[in-house]
Amino acid sequence: IYDSTNNDNKHFRIFLSASTDGTSPINIEFATTATTSSYSLGATTLTTSSIADSKWHHYAITMVSQSTGIKTRLFVDSKLSKEQVVSSPWDDIKTATNGVVSAIGAKVANSLGDGQLISSSIDEFRFWKSERTGEEIGRNWFVNIGGGTDDSLDNIDLGVYFKFNEGITLTSSTDSIILDYSGRLSNGNFIGY
């Protein structure tokens, strides 16, 4: 679903797993060149069947570094599915000084997806620079939100906001750009448009 890496060789991934028994479909992975730690997100009632039920669902994952590890929470349709503290080979969650390369729907490999693609519809993607509370997720999971700008502090912690609704101009070089509505100008590129 989401893959990110930086110049410090730290790697973070949120991925779907199609296990034979249908359990643990949403997972996170933290990795360095030496160590990889993977964890299942979601309660035992979250299965591959409940994800692939032909209905629209909203998934929100929060993570925050704390002294005992990284606290992760998964919300499904604004309801908390699971909260846990996991260990990571990283000391904290932060970006490298030279930036981060990320991909939605594919793995990062030389800044491009490497063929492991997700087949689904994604309505929006929001990346916050601070942890969202259950109340904030419940209040905003089904509505568009405004981004911050140079002269406005609205949603200043909204790092990236892709709405995927720019329309079609029939010019591939224009249509392949995914606009960032956070006010941070972190536009994305649709690879293989």
Protein backbone atom coordinates (compact mmCIF):
# COMPACT_ATOMS: atom_id res chain seq x y z
CA ILE A 1 0.00 0.00 0.00
CA TYR A 2 2.74 2.46 1.04
CA ASP A 3 6.51 2.20 0.82
CA SER A 4 9.11 4.73 1.93
CA THR A 5 12.90 4.82 2.13
CA ASN A 6 15.56 7.41 2.86
CA ASN A 7 19.29 7.92 2.33
CA ASP A 8 20.04 6.47 5.79
CA ASN A 9 18.94 3.04 4.46
CA LYS A 10 15.87 3.07 6.70
CA HIS A 11 12.80 1.57 5.11
CA PHE A 12 9.15 1.69 6.14
CA ARG A 13 6.31 -0.22 4.50
CA ILE A 14 2.57 -0.73 5.01
CA PHE A 15 1.53 -3.79 3.06
CA LEU A 16 -1.30 -6.26 2.49
CA SER A 17 -0.71 -9.95 3.04
CA ALA A 18 -2.96 -12.63 1.62
CA SER A 19 -2.36 -15.38 4.17
CA THR A 20 -4.00 -18.75 3.55
CA ASP A 21 -6.21 -18.42 6.64
CA GLY A 22 -7.19 -14.80 5.83
CA THR A 23 -5.81 -13.34 9.06
CA SER A 24 -3.43 -10.40 9.50
CA PRO A 25 -4.08 -8.72 6.16
CA ILE A 26 -2.59 -5.29 7.03
CA ASN A 27 1.02 -5.20 8.17
CA ILE A 28 3.84 -2.73 8.83
CA GLU A 29 7.54 -3.27 8.35
CA PHE A 30 10.53 -1.32 9.64
CA ALA A 31 13.90 -2.18 8.12
CA THR A 32 17.53 -1.19 7.98
CA THR A 33 20.25 -2.87 5.95
CA ALA A 34 20.80 -5.27 8.90
CA THR A 35 17.39 -5.83 10.54
CA THR A 36 13.73 -6.12 9.55
CA SER A 37 10.78 -6.04 11.97
CA SER A 38 7.24 -6.80 10.73
CA TYR A 39 3.97 -6.57 12.65
CA SER A 40 0.32 -7.24 11.94
CA LEU A 41 -2.11 -4.37 12.38
CA GLY A 42 -5.77 -4.79 13.15
CA ALA A 43 -7.90 -6.94 15.40
CA THR A 44 -8.45 -10.63 14.68
CA THR A 45 -11.82 -9.72 13.14
CA LEU A 46 -9.98 -7.88 10.35
CA THR A 47 -9.46 -10.45 7.60
CA THR A 48 -8.78 -10.51 3.88
CA SER A 49 -12.51 -11.18 3.39
CA SER A 50 -13.51 -8.09 5.39
CA ILE A 51 -11.14 -5.95 3.32
CA ALA A 52 -12.22 -7.42 -0.04
CA ASP A 53 -15.97 -7.24 0.63
CA SER A 54 -16.69 -4.92 -2.35
CA LYS A 55 -17.55 -2.06 0.04
CA TRP A 56 -15.77 1.25 0.52
CA HIS A 57 -13.71 1.42 3.74
CA HIS A 58 -11.53 4.05 5.38
CA TYR A 59 -8.25 2.92 6.96
CA ALA A 60 -6.17 5.20 9.19
CA ILE A 61 -2.86 4.19 10.75
CA THR A 62 -1.20 6.29 13.42
CA MET A 63 2.33 5.86 14.72
CA VAL A 64 4.26 7.78 17.32
CA SER A 65 7.66 7.14 18.91
CA GLN A 66 7.67 6.69 22.67
CA SER A 67 10.16 5.39 25.22
CA THR A 68 8.87 1.77 25.02
CA GLY A 69 8.76 1.55 21.22
CA ILE A 70 6.49 2.79 18.45
CA LYS A 71 2.80 3.00 19.32
CA THR A 72 0.68 1.96 16.34
CA ARG A 73 -3.08 2.19 15.98
CA LEU A 74 -5.30 1.05 13.13
CA PHE A 75 -8.74 2.61 12.63
CA VAL A 76 -11.26 1.04 10.23
CA ASP A 77 -14.14 3.31 9.22
CA SER A 78 -13.15 5.64 12.09
CA LYS A 79 -13.30 2.89 14.76
CA LEU A 80 -10.19 1.69 16.57
CA SER A 81 -9.36 -1.84 15.44
CA LYS A 82 -6.10 -2.36 17.35
CA GLU A 83 -3.52 -0.47 19.38
CA GLN A 84 -0.09 -1.88 20.16
CA VAL A 85 3.48 -0.86 20.91
CA VAL A 86 6.05 -2.45 18.61
CA SER A 87 9.82 -2.42 18.56
CA SER A 88 11.77 -1.16 15.60
CA PRO A 89 15.40 -1.17 14.46
CA TRP A 90 15.01 2.62 14.29
CA ASP A 91 15.41 4.87 17.29
CA ASP A 92 12.55 7.09 16.15
CA ILE A 93 10.37 8.02 13.21
CA LYS A 94 11.87 10.89 11.26
CA THR A 95 13.01 11.78 7.79
CA ALA A 96 16.58 11.87 6.59
CA THR A 97 18.32 15.18 5.95
CA ASN A 98 18.24 14.44 2.21
CA GLY A 99 14.53 13.63 2.07
CA VAL A 100 12.41 10.55 1.57
CA VAL A 101 11.28 8.66 -1.54
CA SER A 102 7.83 7.10 -1.21
CA ALA A 103 5.36 5.17 -3.31
CA ILE A 104 1.64 4.52 -2.93
CA GLY A 105 0.42 1.26 -4.43
CA ALA A 106 3.88 -0.12 -5.25
CA LYS A 107 7.26 -0.78 -3.66
CA VAL A 108 10.02 1.80 -4.00
CA ALA A 109 12.90 0.61 -6.17
CA ASN A 110 15.15 3.28 -7.65
CA SER A 111 12.25 5.70 -6.95
CA LEU A 112 9.86 3.62 -9.11
CA GLY A 113 7.48 0.77 -8.32
CA ASP A 114 9.21 -2.58 -8.83
CA GLY A 115 6.22 -4.54 -10.12
CA GLN A 116 4.51 -5.37 -6.83
CA LEU A 117 1.41 -3.29 -7.41
CA ILE A 118 -1.86 -3.01 -5.50
CA SER A 119 -5.10 -3.43 -7.42
CA SER A 120 -7.65 -1.21 -5.71
CA SER A 121 -9.22 2.24 -5.69
CA ILE A 122 -7.76 4.89 -3.42
CA ASP A 123 -9.95 7.92 -2.79
CA GLU A 124 -7.53 10.03 -0.74
CA PHE A 125 -4.13 9.77 0.92
CA ARG A 126 -3.22 11.93 3.92
CA PHE A 127 0.17 11.86 5.63
CA TRP A 128 0.23 13.79 8.90
CA LYS A 129 3.44 14.91 10.62
CA SER A 130 1.82 14.39 14.02
CA GLU A 131 -0.37 11.67 15.51
CA ARG A 132 -4.10 12.05 14.90
CA THR A 133 -6.43 11.29 17.79
CA GLY A 134 -9.40 8.96 17.46
CA GLU A 135 -11.64 12.01 17.74
CA GLU A 136 -9.86 13.79 14.86
CA ILE A 137 -10.05 10.69 12.67
CA GLY A 138 -13.73 10.20 13.52
CA ARG A 139 -14.52 13.82 12.73
CA ASN A 140 -12.67 13.98 9.39
CA TRP A 141 -12.51 10.50 7.83
CA PHE A 142 -15.37 11.11 5.39
CA VAL A 143 -14.83 14.79 4.46
CA ASN A 144 -12.29 16.82 2.53
CA ILE A 145 -10.10 19.02 4.69
CA GLY A 146 -8.22 22.22 4.02
CA GLY A 147 -4.46 22.35 3.87
CA GLY A 148 -2.10 24.91 5.35
CA THR A 149 -0.50 27.69 3.36
CA ASP A 150 2.24 30.26 3.92
CA ASP A 151 -0.31 32.67 5.40
CA SER A 152 -2.54 30.15 7.18
CA LEU A 153 -1.84 27.73 10.03
CA ASP A 154 -4.85 25.51 9.23
CA ASN A 155 -3.78 21.87 9.41
CA ILE A 156 -0.11 22.83 9.64
CA ASP A 157 0.77 19.20 10.51
CA LEU A 158 -0.71 17.91 7.24
CA GLY A 159 2.42 16.83 5.35
CA VAL A 160 0.89 15.42 2.15
CA TYR A 161 -2.73 15.36 0.95
CA PHE A 162 -3.58 13.65 -2.33
CA LYS A 163 -7.26 13.81 -3.33
CA PHE A 164 -6.80 12.00 -6.69
CA ASN A 165 -9.54 14.13 -8.29
CA GLU A 166 -7.69 16.52 -10.59
CA GLY A 167 -9.73 15.59 -13.66
CA ILE A 168 -8.47 14.62 -17.09
CA THR A 169 -6.96 17.07 -19.61
CA LEU A 170 -5.96 14.38 -22.17
CA THR A 171 -2.34 15.57 -21.85
CA SER A 172 -0.35 12.76 -20.20
CA SER A 173 2.38 15.06 -18.85
CA THR A 174 -0.31 17.05 -16.99
CA ASP A 175 -2.64 14.19 -16.04
CA SER A 176 0.20 12.14 -14.52
CA ILE A 177 0.80 14.81 -11.84
CA ILE A 178 -0.97 14.15 -8.52
CA LEU A 179 -1.54 17.47 -6.79
CA ASP A 180 -0.70 17.88 -3.11
CA TYR A 181 -3.50 19.80 -1.39
CA SER A 182 -1.64 20.13 1.93
CA GLY A 183 -0.16 23.46 0.86
CA ARG A 184 3.37 21.97 0.97
CA LEU A 185 3.83 21.49 -2.81
CA SER A 186 4.85 17.83 -2.58
CA ASN A 187 3.15 16.82 -5.83
CA GLY A 188 3.35 13.18 -6.82
CA ASN A 189 3.87 11.47 -10.16
CA PHE A 190 1.62 8.71 -11.46
CA ILE A 191 4.11 6.13 -12.79
CA GLY A 192 2.77 4.22 -15.77
CA TYR A 193 -0.09 6.68 -16.48
